[in-house]
Amino acid sequence: MKPKITLLDEDLISRVILEAFELLQKPGIKVQNEDARALLFKAGAKVDESTQVVRLPHSLILGCLATVPHHFHLYDYFGEPKVHYGGEAVHFDPGSSGINIFDSDTRQHREAQAQDLLRIVKVTESISQYDAQSTSVFCSDVPNSIQDLYRLYLVLLHSSKPIVTGALSNKNIQNMIDMLALVSDGAENLRRYPRAVFDVCPSPPLMWSNFGGGNLIALARAGVPAEMVSVPLAGAAAPVTLIGAVTQHTAECLAGLTIHQLAGPGSPLVWGGAPTIFEMRKGGAPMGAIETSLLNSACAQVGKSLHLPTHGYLGGSDSKLVDVQAGLESSQAILVGALSGINMISGAGMIDSLLCVSPEKLVIDAESIAMARRFLRGIATPTDTLATGFYAGVDFKGGDFLKQRITIDLFQKEQYLTGPVIDRDSMRGWQDAGSLDTFARAKVQVNKLVSSYKRPLMDSTHEETLHSFVLSLARAAGLDELPSLD
């Protein structure tokens, strides 16, 4: 029996979905994208063009729900399936909303640049616990108008892993789809073997913006997976009760799902989110709060009840340093997400409420991920007897079990052997190794991973074509040359 968290019973889930349907009738959903409103109107929704408010019939939503795939894969550069969205599969990627980098030398936050993103990509590429890359930080040394596509460009050049990304405009979503098609040998190959999933966010409460709706339509028509990331902020941009926020999340996702499937029936879609509470004392959205874990788990449970692939934002911290608070908040969230069976869990490596990324925290969080995966395996029964078979020849001396062949055979299956960032040595051993704290050990490990990184082999035609395409967009945005990465 494998451990699992379920917060909502079937009756409560049914009530959540029923009230979400009611919300989509009254007050309805505001849809700012003209093409999305046209799709909804043609399908039978009531549209008020003066207010942009749309009321969705129950039958329309159910019809669109029926066309969403229950599972799909993301593929690596070499065409191998690496991420399974659906069922109880659990995967992890770094967070992807950072604007700052945590400088390990000064221990200060500063604006991220292309070199910083490249360092994060190298670390992520080298750690097996991360099943996918993310376009984790915006690079301040490129123009704002191309920052989203430039992030994808760097990851495509320097990683073979699947990618979690996102566009910030209706113009760039198509440019980014075209970039993926360039390295996938065409749009049809990209549709069959998608390399990336795109985060697309509604605007709480109960609104899909012009670019959010436009992104959904473009991705659906291209057959590139979309990941809805609803962000209800309980107490400010959503009801103060957790179950109220879950219900709003459900309504926003059902509305997005309807737009998406009308544009491209059968196109892959993820029931995702970054729900949290509003911090009443200080303001802001505490991504390390225990309520954030509860909300993500519950929202994913609703998505699973509809047989949809799921996503959640867990593993970040509100601490401004990579410290005890960061470890406390991140590890509990990672474990809750894993036990909830969320298919893709984003947020590792992040501090300052998802504004800052630390490569050192990525290394530390990888240990939390490995421990969570060990917890998911539960307690097995690998031997014929539970314990009695171990006692043959035991004469009540300590250490007898170390001599048994079965101990050698099984201990690596029964135990997770931690990496060098975790200290389990004696006091003397720790002192002899330099008396380093966790952050210092992580810094050493990051430097080792970066120095040993080997760039994946990429078809030279793909690389040249991609470079030319992005350089032309950069020059149109006023940048003569792309930032140097030497």
Protein backbone atom coordinates (compact mmCIF):
# COMPACT_ATOMS: atom_id res chain seq x y z
CA MET A 1 0.00 0.00 0.00
CA LYS A 2 1.43 3.36 -1.05
CA PRO A 3 0.79 6.46 1.06
CA LYS A 4 -1.57 9.09 -0.29
CA ILE A 5 -3.24 12.33 0.82
CA THR A 6 -6.91 12.97 0.08
CA LEU A 7 -8.39 16.07 1.70
CA LEU A 8 -11.84 16.15 0.12
CA ASP A 9 -14.44 13.38 0.15
CA GLU A 10 -16.52 12.64 -2.96
CA ASP A 11 -19.54 14.58 -1.73
CA LEU A 12 -17.48 17.71 -1.11
CA ILE A 13 -15.81 17.44 -4.52
CA SER A 14 -19.25 17.20 -6.11
CA ARG A 15 -20.35 20.33 -4.26
CA VAL A 16 -17.22 22.19 -5.41
CA ILE A 17 -17.85 21.30 -9.04
CA LEU A 18 -21.58 22.09 -8.79
CA GLU A 19 -20.93 25.54 -7.31
CA ALA A 20 -18.22 26.17 -9.91
CA PHE A 21 -20.81 25.50 -12.61
CA GLU A 22 -23.14 27.92 -10.83
CA LEU A 23 -20.44 30.61 -10.72
CA LEU A 24 -19.97 30.27 -14.47
CA GLN A 25 -23.65 31.08 -14.86
CA LYS A 26 -23.81 33.79 -12.22
CA PRO A 27 -21.83 36.02 -12.13
CA GLY A 28 -20.20 34.34 -15.15
CA ILE A 29 -16.63 34.65 -16.38
CA LYS A 30 -15.07 37.78 -17.87
CA VAL A 31 -13.32 36.93 -21.14
CA GLN A 32 -11.27 39.79 -22.57
CA ASN A 33 -10.09 37.99 -25.71
CA GLU A 34 -12.36 38.66 -28.68
CA ASP A 35 -11.61 35.36 -30.45
CA ALA A 36 -12.36 33.43 -27.26
CA ARG A 37 -15.70 35.20 -26.84
CA ALA A 38 -16.55 34.41 -30.45
CA LEU A 39 -15.79 30.72 -29.93
CA LEU A 40 -17.95 30.64 -26.80
CA PHE A 41 -20.83 32.50 -28.45
CA LYS A 42 -20.82 30.16 -31.44
CA ALA A 43 -20.92 27.19 -29.06
CA GLY A 44 -24.02 28.50 -27.28
CA ALA A 45 -22.71 30.62 -24.41
CA LYS A 46 -24.40 33.89 -23.54
CA VAL A 47 -22.00 36.76 -24.25
CA ASP A 48 -22.41 40.38 -23.18
CA GLU A 49 -20.01 42.29 -25.42
CA SER A 50 -20.44 45.51 -23.43
CA THR A 51 -19.07 43.91 -20.23
CA GLN A 52 -17.18 40.97 -21.83
CA VAL A 53 -18.95 38.68 -19.35
CA VAL A 54 -19.77 35.20 -20.60
CA ARG A 55 -22.22 32.73 -19.06
CA LEU A 56 -21.36 29.12 -19.80
CA PRO A 57 -24.05 26.47 -20.10
CA HIS A 58 -23.54 23.32 -18.07
CA SER A 59 -23.82 21.15 -21.18
CA LEU A 60 -21.13 23.13 -23.03
CA ILE A 61 -18.61 22.64 -20.23
CA LEU A 62 -19.37 18.92 -19.98
CA GLY A 63 -18.97 18.53 -23.73
CA CYS A 64 -15.55 20.15 -23.62
CA LEU A 65 -14.52 18.12 -20.58
CA ALA A 66 -15.21 14.99 -22.60
CA THR A 67 -12.59 15.90 -25.24
CA VAL A 68 -9.63 16.61 -22.91
CA PRO A 69 -7.00 13.81 -22.99
CA HIS A 70 -6.68 12.03 -19.64
CA HIS A 71 -2.93 11.75 -20.06
CA PHE A 72 -0.05 12.69 -22.36
CA HIS A 73 3.75 12.74 -22.39
CA LEU A 74 6.41 15.39 -22.74
CA TYR A 75 9.45 14.30 -24.71
CA ASP A 76 13.12 15.15 -24.52
CA TYR A 77 15.18 16.50 -27.43
CA PHE A 78 15.91 12.96 -28.60
CA GLY A 79 12.22 12.03 -28.85
CA GLU A 80 12.03 9.91 -25.70
CA PRO A 81 8.99 10.23 -23.39
CA LYS A 82 10.25 11.59 -20.07
CA VAL A 83 7.28 13.19 -18.29
CA HIS A 84 3.90 11.52 -17.92
CA TYR A 85 1.01 13.86 -17.21
CA GLY A 86 -1.88 11.81 -15.84
CA GLY A 87 -2.79 9.30 -13.16
CA GLU A 88 -0.59 9.30 -10.07
CA ALA A 89 2.73 10.07 -11.81
CA VAL A 90 4.74 12.71 -9.92
CA HIS A 91 7.38 14.92 -11.53
CA PHE A 92 9.31 18.03 -10.49
CA ASP A 93 10.70 21.12 -12.21
CA PRO A 94 12.19 24.39 -10.90
CA GLY A 95 9.95 27.41 -10.47
CA SER A 96 9.60 29.76 -13.42
CA SER A 97 8.62 33.26 -12.28
CA GLY A 98 11.91 34.59 -10.91
CA ILE A 99 13.19 38.07 -11.63
CA ASN A 100 16.14 37.91 -9.23
CA ILE A 101 19.00 35.54 -8.54
CA PHE A 102 20.36 34.77 -5.09
CA ASP A 103 24.08 35.54 -5.32
CA SER A 104 25.88 32.84 -3.36
CA ASP A 105 28.95 35.02 -2.73
CA THR A 106 27.24 38.17 -1.45
CA ARG A 107 24.05 36.40 -0.25
CA GLN A 108 22.10 39.26 -1.79
CA HIS A 109 19.31 39.37 -4.36
CA ARG A 110 20.13 40.97 -7.71
CA GLU A 111 18.49 41.12 -11.14
CA ALA A 112 18.97 37.91 -13.07
CA GLN A 113 20.85 37.90 -16.36
CA ALA A 114 21.40 35.37 -19.13
CA GLN A 115 24.48 33.92 -17.43
CA ASP A 116 22.41 33.25 -14.32
CA LEU A 117 19.72 31.40 -16.25
CA LEU A 118 22.40 29.35 -17.98
CA ARG A 119 23.85 28.38 -14.58
CA ILE A 120 20.41 27.29 -13.37
CA VAL A 121 19.89 25.25 -16.55
CA LYS A 122 23.24 23.50 -16.09
CA VAL A 123 22.44 22.59 -12.49
CA THR A 124 18.95 21.36 -13.37
CA GLU A 125 20.26 19.34 -16.31
CA SER A 126 22.70 17.58 -13.99
CA ILE A 127 20.23 16.57 -11.26
CA SER A 128 18.10 13.49 -11.91
CA GLN A 129 15.38 14.55 -9.46
CA TYR A 130 14.30 17.26 -11.92
CA ASP A 131 12.33 15.62 -14.70
CA ALA A 132 11.95 18.87 -16.62
CA GLN A 133 13.64 22.20 -17.06
CA SER A 134 11.82 25.48 -16.60
CA THR A 135 12.44 28.94 -17.99
CA SER A 136 13.14 29.88 -14.41
CA VAL A 137 14.19 33.55 -14.46
CA PHE A 138 13.72 36.57 -16.69
CA CYS A 139 17.00 37.93 -18.07
CA SER A 140 17.37 41.66 -17.47
CA ASP A 141 20.03 41.97 -20.18
CA VAL A 142 17.52 41.44 -23.00
CA PRO A 143 14.57 43.71 -23.92
CA ASN A 144 11.32 43.12 -22.05
CA SER A 145 9.49 42.40 -25.29
CA ILE A 146 11.47 39.20 -25.92
CA GLN A 147 12.35 38.04 -22.40
CA ASP A 148 9.89 35.16 -22.49
CA LEU A 149 11.11 33.72 -25.79
CA TYR A 150 14.77 34.35 -24.96
CA ARG A 151 14.42 32.21 -21.82
CA LEU A 152 13.11 29.36 -23.96
CA TYR A 153 15.94 29.86 -26.44
CA LEU A 154 18.60 29.39 -23.75
CA VAL A 155 16.96 26.26 -22.37
CA LEU A 156 16.53 24.74 -25.84
CA LEU A 157 20.23 25.29 -26.58
CA HIS A 158 21.56 23.90 -23.32
CA SER A 159 19.19 21.17 -22.20
CA SER A 160 17.75 17.95 -23.58
CA LYS A 161 15.02 17.69 -20.93
CA PRO A 162 11.33 18.55 -21.41
CA ILE A 163 10.49 22.15 -20.58
CA VAL A 164 7.88 24.03 -18.54
CA THR A 165 7.63 27.54 -19.95
CA GLY A 166 5.17 30.34 -20.70
CA ALA A 167 4.61 33.35 -22.94
CA LEU A 168 3.75 36.89 -21.89
CA SER A 169 1.93 38.02 -25.05
CA ASN A 170 -0.18 36.71 -27.90
CA LYS A 171 2.60 37.64 -30.31
CA ASN A 172 5.33 35.72 -28.55
CA ILE A 173 3.29 32.60 -27.94
CA GLN A 174 3.37 31.95 -31.67
CA ASN A 175 7.07 32.81 -31.88
CA MET A 176 7.78 30.31 -29.09
CA ILE A 177 5.69 27.60 -30.74
CA ASP A 178 7.66 28.25 -33.93
CA MET A 179 10.94 27.92 -32.00
CA LEU A 180 9.88 24.53 -30.66
CA ALA A 181 8.84 23.44 -34.14
CA LEU A 182 12.28 24.40 -35.49
CA VAL A 183 14.03 21.96 -33.16
CA SER A 184 11.31 19.30 -33.58
CA ASP A 185 11.58 19.05 -37.37
CA GLY A 186 8.24 20.68 -37.96
CA ALA A 187 4.90 21.54 -36.45
CA GLU A 188 3.44 18.07 -36.95
CA ASN A 189 6.34 16.42 -35.11
CA LEU A 190 5.91 18.96 -32.32
CA ARG A 191 2.24 18.04 -32.06
CA ARG A 192 3.03 14.31 -31.88
CA TYR A 193 6.04 14.59 -29.57
CA PRO A 194 5.63 17.80 -27.54
CA ARG A 195 8.81 19.05 -25.91
CA ALA A 196 7.25 21.76 -23.74
CA VAL A 197 4.15 22.66 -21.77
CA PHE A 198 3.10 26.32 -21.48
CA ASP A 199 1.76 27.85 -18.27
CA VAL A 200 -1.29 30.03 -18.97
CA CYS A 201 -2.86 32.02 -16.12
CA PRO A 202 -6.39 33.31 -15.62
CA SER A 203 -6.72 36.55 -13.65
CA PRO A 204 -8.56 36.13 -10.35
CA PRO A 205 -11.35 36.48 -9.67
CA LEU A 206 -13.14 34.80 -12.59
CA MET A 207 -11.41 36.42 -15.55
CA TRP A 208 -9.41 35.31 -18.57
CA SER A 209 -7.35 38.20 -19.92
CA ASN A 210 -6.77 38.99 -23.58
CA PHE A 211 -3.35 37.35 -23.68
CA GLY A 212 -4.40 34.46 -21.43
CA GLY A 213 -7.31 33.59 -23.68
CA GLY A 214 -5.19 34.13 -26.77
CA ASN A 215 -2.47 31.84 -25.44
CA LEU A 216 -5.01 29.07 -24.79
CA ILE A 217 -6.32 29.32 -28.36
CA ALA A 218 -2.87 29.36 -29.99
CA LEU A 219 -1.65 26.37 -27.98
CA ALA A 220 -4.82 24.36 -28.60
CA ARG A 221 -4.63 24.93 -32.36
CA ALA A 222 -0.94 23.97 -32.43
CA GLY A 223 -1.53 20.88 -30.30
CA VAL A 224 1.11 22.06 -27.82
CA PRO A 225 0.21 21.27 -24.18
CA ALA A 226 -1.20 24.09 -22.06
CA GLU A 227 -1.03 24.17 -18.26
CA MET A 228 -3.69 26.35 -16.64
CA VAL A 229 -2.21 28.04 -13.58
CA SER A 230 -5.09 29.56 -11.67
CA VAL A 231 -3.93 31.74 -8.77
CA PRO A 232 -6.81 32.33 -6.33
CA LEU A 233 -5.55 34.42 -3.41
CA ALA A 234 -7.77 33.42 -0.51
CA GLY A 235 -9.00 36.49 1.35
CA ALA A 236 -8.09 39.04 -1.34
CA ALA A 237 -8.70 37.80 -4.90
CA ALA A 238 -10.76 34.77 -3.80
CA PRO A 239 -13.03 33.84 -0.88
CA VAL A 240 -11.22 33.72 2.46
CA THR A 241 -12.19 30.09 3.05
CA LEU A 242 -9.90 27.49 1.55
CA ILE A 243 -12.82 25.56 0.09
CA GLY A 244 -14.15 28.80 -1.44
CA ALA A 245 -10.79 29.40 -3.11
CA VAL A 246 -10.78 25.81 -4.38
CA THR A 247 -14.23 26.40 -5.88
CA GLN A 248 -13.10 29.59 -7.62
CA HIS A 249 -10.03 27.74 -8.93
CA THR A 250 -12.37 25.08 -10.33
CA ALA A 251 -14.56 27.67 -12.07
CA GLU A 252 -11.59 29.47 -13.62
CA CYS A 253 -10.09 26.21 -14.87
CA LEU A 254 -13.41 24.97 -16.28
CA ALA A 255 -13.78 28.24 -18.20
CA GLY A 256 -10.23 28.00 -19.56
CA LEU A 257 -10.77 24.36 -20.45
CA THR A 258 -13.89 25.28 -22.43
CA ILE A 259 -12.09 27.99 -24.43
CA HIS A 260 -9.14 25.68 -25.04
CA GLN A 261 -11.13 22.67 -26.21
CA LEU A 262 -13.39 24.74 -28.46
CA ALA A 263 -10.24 25.99 -30.19
CA GLY A 264 -8.66 22.54 -30.49
CA PRO A 265 -10.71 19.55 -29.33
CA GLY A 266 -8.45 16.85 -27.93
CA SER A 267 -5.44 19.13 -27.47
CA PRO A 268 -3.53 18.30 -24.25
CA LEU A 269 -4.39 20.40 -21.21
CA VAL A 270 -3.30 20.41 -17.55
CA TRP A 271 -5.43 21.32 -14.52
CA GLY A 272 -2.81 23.40 -12.73
CA GLY A 273 -2.48 26.24 -10.30
CA ALA A 274 -0.60 28.29 -7.76
CA PRO A 275 -3.31 28.88 -5.14
CA THR A 276 -2.37 30.49 -1.86
CA ILE A 277 -3.69 32.75 0.90
CA PHE A 278 -3.39 36.50 1.34
CA GLU A 279 -1.05 37.33 4.23
CA MET A 280 -3.29 39.59 6.31
CA ARG A 281 -0.48 41.02 8.47
CA LYS A 282 2.13 41.81 5.83
CA GLY A 283 0.30 41.52 2.51
CA GLY A 284 1.49 39.34 -0.33
CA ALA A 285 1.11 35.69 -1.25
CA PRO A 286 3.01 33.33 1.07
CA MET A 287 4.00 30.38 -1.11
CA GLY A 288 5.55 28.59 1.87
CA ALA A 289 2.37 28.66 3.97
CA ILE A 290 0.88 25.33 5.02
CA GLU A 291 -2.41 26.56 3.55
CA THR A 292 -0.68 26.78 0.17
CA SER A 293 0.03 23.06 0.42
CA LEU A 294 -3.55 22.35 1.44
CA LEU A 295 -4.93 24.40 -1.46
CA ASN A 296 -2.68 22.80 -4.07
CA SER A 297 -3.53 19.33 -2.84
CA ALA A 298 -7.28 20.01 -2.83
CA CYS A 299 -7.26 21.71 -6.25
CA ALA A 300 -5.37 18.78 -7.73
CA GLN A 301 -7.84 16.37 -6.17
CA VAL A 302 -10.70 18.12 -7.95
CA GLY A 303 -8.78 17.87 -11.24
CA LYS A 304 -8.13 14.18 -10.66
CA SER A 305 -11.82 13.59 -10.03
CA LEU A 306 -12.36 14.88 -13.59
CA HIS A 307 -9.61 12.51 -14.85
CA LEU A 308 -7.36 15.39 -15.89
CA PRO A 309 -3.56 15.79 -15.70
CA THR A 310 -2.55 17.99 -12.76
CA HIS A 311 0.01 20.59 -11.73
CA GLY A 312 0.77 22.55 -8.56
CA TYR A 313 3.16 25.23 -7.35
CA LEU A 314 4.94 23.82 -4.30
CA GLY A 315 8.52 23.84 -3.06
CA GLY A 316 9.12 27.58 -2.93
CA SER A 317 9.72 29.59 0.22
CA ASP A 318 8.97 33.08 1.48
CA SER A 319 12.35 33.34 3.19
CA LYS A 320 14.79 35.83 1.70
CA LEU A 321 17.72 33.50 2.39
CA VAL A 322 18.45 29.83 1.81
CA ASP A 323 18.05 29.09 5.51
CA VAL A 324 16.12 26.97 7.97
CA GLN A 325 12.82 28.64 7.03
CA ALA A 326 13.44 27.88 3.36
CA GLY A 327 14.13 24.24 4.15
CA LEU A 328 11.13 23.93 6.46
CA GLU A 329 8.62 25.45 4.05
CA SER A 330 9.93 23.78 0.92
CA SER A 331 10.31 20.25 2.26
CA GLN A 332 6.82 20.05 3.73
CA ALA A 333 5.29 21.35 0.50
CA ILE A 334 7.26 18.94 -1.68
CA LEU A 335 6.13 16.00 0.45
CA VAL A 336 2.48 17.11 0.42
CA GLY A 337 2.58 17.56 -3.36
CA ALA A 338 4.09 14.12 -3.89
CA LEU A 339 1.59 12.43 -1.56
CA SER A 340 -1.21 14.21 -3.44
CA GLY A 341 -0.09 12.62 -6.71
CA ILE A 342 0.30 15.95 -8.50
CA ASN A 343 1.76 15.20 -11.92
CA MET A 344 4.06 18.24 -12.17
CA ILE A 345 5.22 20.12 -9.09
CA SER A 346 6.88 23.46 -9.81
CA GLY A 347 8.68 25.76 -7.40
CA ALA A 348 11.94 24.15 -6.35
CA GLY A 349 14.87 26.53 -6.00
CA MET A 350 12.70 29.57 -5.27
CA ILE A 351 12.70 31.99 -2.33
CA ASP A 352 11.10 35.40 -1.66
CA SER A 353 7.61 34.20 -2.64
CA LEU A 354 8.76 32.99 -6.09
CA LEU A 355 10.61 36.20 -7.00
CA CYS A 356 14.15 34.87 -6.57
CA VAL A 357 15.93 31.67 -7.61
CA SER A 358 18.91 30.07 -5.90
CA PRO A 359 20.92 27.31 -7.63
CA GLU A 360 22.04 26.21 -4.17
CA LYS A 361 18.43 25.78 -3.08
CA LEU A 362 17.82 23.71 -6.22
CA VAL A 363 20.46 21.29 -4.97
CA ILE A 364 18.97 21.21 -1.46
CA ASP A 365 15.41 20.83 -2.74
CA ALA A 366 16.53 17.88 -4.86
CA GLU A 367 17.25 16.05 -1.62
CA SER A 368 13.73 16.82 -0.37
CA ILE A 369 12.36 15.50 -3.67
CA ALA A 370 14.36 12.28 -3.38
CA MET A 371 13.14 11.79 0.18
CA ALA A 372 9.54 12.42 -0.87
CA ARG A 373 9.88 9.85 -3.64
CA ARG A 374 11.21 7.35 -1.13
CA PHE A 375 8.21 8.08 1.09
CA LEU A 376 5.90 7.49 -1.89
CA ARG A 377 7.24 3.96 -2.28
CA GLY A 378 5.99 3.21 1.23
CA ILE A 379 6.97 0.08 3.13
CA ALA A 380 7.34 -3.03 0.98
CA THR A 381 7.50 -6.75 1.82
CA PRO A 382 10.51 -7.90 -0.25
CA THR A 383 11.12 -11.10 1.73
CA ASP A 384 8.99 -14.22 2.30
CA THR A 385 8.70 -13.49 6.01
CA LEU A 386 8.48 -10.05 7.53
CA ALA A 387 11.25 -10.55 10.07
CA THR A 388 11.50 -14.13 11.36
CA GLY A 389 13.68 -15.28 8.44
CA PHE A 390 16.38 -12.81 9.45
CA TYR A 391 16.99 -14.42 12.83
CA ALA A 392 18.55 -17.71 11.77
CA GLY A 393 21.95 -17.85 13.47
CA VAL A 394 21.49 -14.60 15.35
CA ASP A 395 23.09 -14.89 18.80
CA PHE A 396 21.93 -11.63 20.38
CA LYS A 397 25.00 -9.64 19.38
CA GLY A 398 24.72 -6.15 17.96
CA GLY A 399 25.67 -5.95 14.33
CA ASP A 400 24.62 -9.51 13.44
CA PHE A 401 22.42 -8.23 10.64
CA LEU A 402 25.33 -6.40 9.00
CA LYS A 403 26.87 -9.81 8.22
CA GLN A 404 23.86 -11.08 6.31
CA ARG A 405 24.01 -11.24 2.53
CA ILE A 406 20.41 -10.04 2.31
CA THR A 407 21.42 -6.80 4.05
CA ILE A 408 23.90 -6.10 1.26
CA ASP A 409 21.31 -7.03 -1.35
CA LEU A 410 18.46 -4.94 0.01
CA PHE A 411 19.73 -1.91 1.90
CA GLN A 412 19.99 0.31 -1.19
CA LYS A 413 16.38 -0.54 -2.08
CA GLU A 414 15.10 0.01 1.43
CA GLN A 415 17.08 3.19 2.14
CA TYR A 416 17.55 6.45 0.25
CA LEU A 417 21.25 7.27 0.30
CA THR A 418 21.52 11.04 0.50
CA GLY A 419 23.84 13.19 -1.59
CA PRO A 420 26.79 15.25 -0.35
CA VAL A 421 24.64 18.25 0.61
CA ILE A 422 23.16 16.27 3.54
CA ASP A 423 25.45 15.71 6.54
CA ARG A 424 25.15 12.42 8.44
CA ASP A 425 28.75 12.20 9.57
CA SER A 426 30.08 12.20 13.12
CA MET A 427 31.07 15.48 14.72
CA ARG A 428 34.73 14.71 14.05
CA GLY A 429 34.04 13.76 10.43
CA TRP A 430 32.03 16.95 9.92
CA GLN A 431 34.83 19.06 11.42
CA ASP A 432 37.47 17.31 9.32
CA ALA A 433 35.42 18.10 6.20
CA GLY A 434 35.51 21.83 6.98
CA SER A 435 32.55 22.29 9.37
CA LEU A 436 30.38 23.46 6.46
CA ASP A 437 26.70 24.28 6.90
CA THR A 438 24.07 23.12 4.42
CA PHE A 439 24.27 26.20 2.21
CA ALA A 440 28.06 25.98 1.99
CA ARG A 441 27.88 22.31 1.02
CA ALA A 442 25.25 23.16 -1.60
CA LYS A 443 27.48 25.90 -2.99
CA VAL A 444 30.31 23.40 -3.41
CA GLN A 445 27.96 21.00 -5.15
CA VAL A 446 26.62 23.68 -7.52
CA ASN A 447 30.16 24.56 -8.56
CA LYS A 448 30.93 20.89 -9.20
CA LEU A 449 27.80 20.41 -11.30
CA VAL A 450 28.45 23.53 -13.37
CA SER A 451 32.11 22.64 -13.98
CA SER A 452 31.25 19.05 -15.00
CA TYR A 453 28.24 19.99 -17.16
CA LYS A 454 28.39 18.80 -20.75
CA ARG A 455 26.09 20.42 -23.26
CA PRO A 456 23.78 17.89 -24.94
CA LEU A 457 24.58 17.20 -28.57
CA MET A 458 22.23 19.14 -30.81
CA ASP A 459 21.76 18.95 -34.55
CA SER A 460 23.80 21.82 -36.00
CA THR A 461 20.98 22.75 -38.38
CA HIS A 462 18.56 23.06 -35.46
CA GLU A 463 21.03 25.24 -33.58
CA GLU A 464 21.80 27.54 -36.51
CA THR A 465 18.17 27.95 -37.53
CA LEU A 466 17.08 28.63 -33.96
CA HIS A 467 19.86 31.17 -33.44
CA SER A 468 19.01 33.02 -36.65
CA PHE A 469 15.31 33.12 -35.75
CA VAL A 470 15.88 34.47 -32.23
CA LEU A 471 18.56 36.94 -33.37
CA SER A 472 16.13 38.42 -35.91
CA LEU A 473 13.52 38.88 -33.16
CA ALA A 474 16.14 40.40 -30.85
CA ARG A 475 17.25 42.90 -33.50
CA ALA A 476 13.65 43.87 -34.14
CA ALA A 477 13.41 44.55 -30.40
CA GLY A 478 16.49 46.82 -30.51
CA LEU A 479 19.22 44.38 -29.44
CA ASP A 480 22.11 44.18 -31.90
CA GLU A 481 23.49 40.91 -30.59
CA LEU A 482 22.37 38.27 -28.11
CA PRO A 483 24.09 38.37 -24.70
CA SER A 484 27.50 36.67 -24.57
CA LEU A 485 27.49 33.41 -22.63
CA ASP A 486 31.27 32.87 -22.60
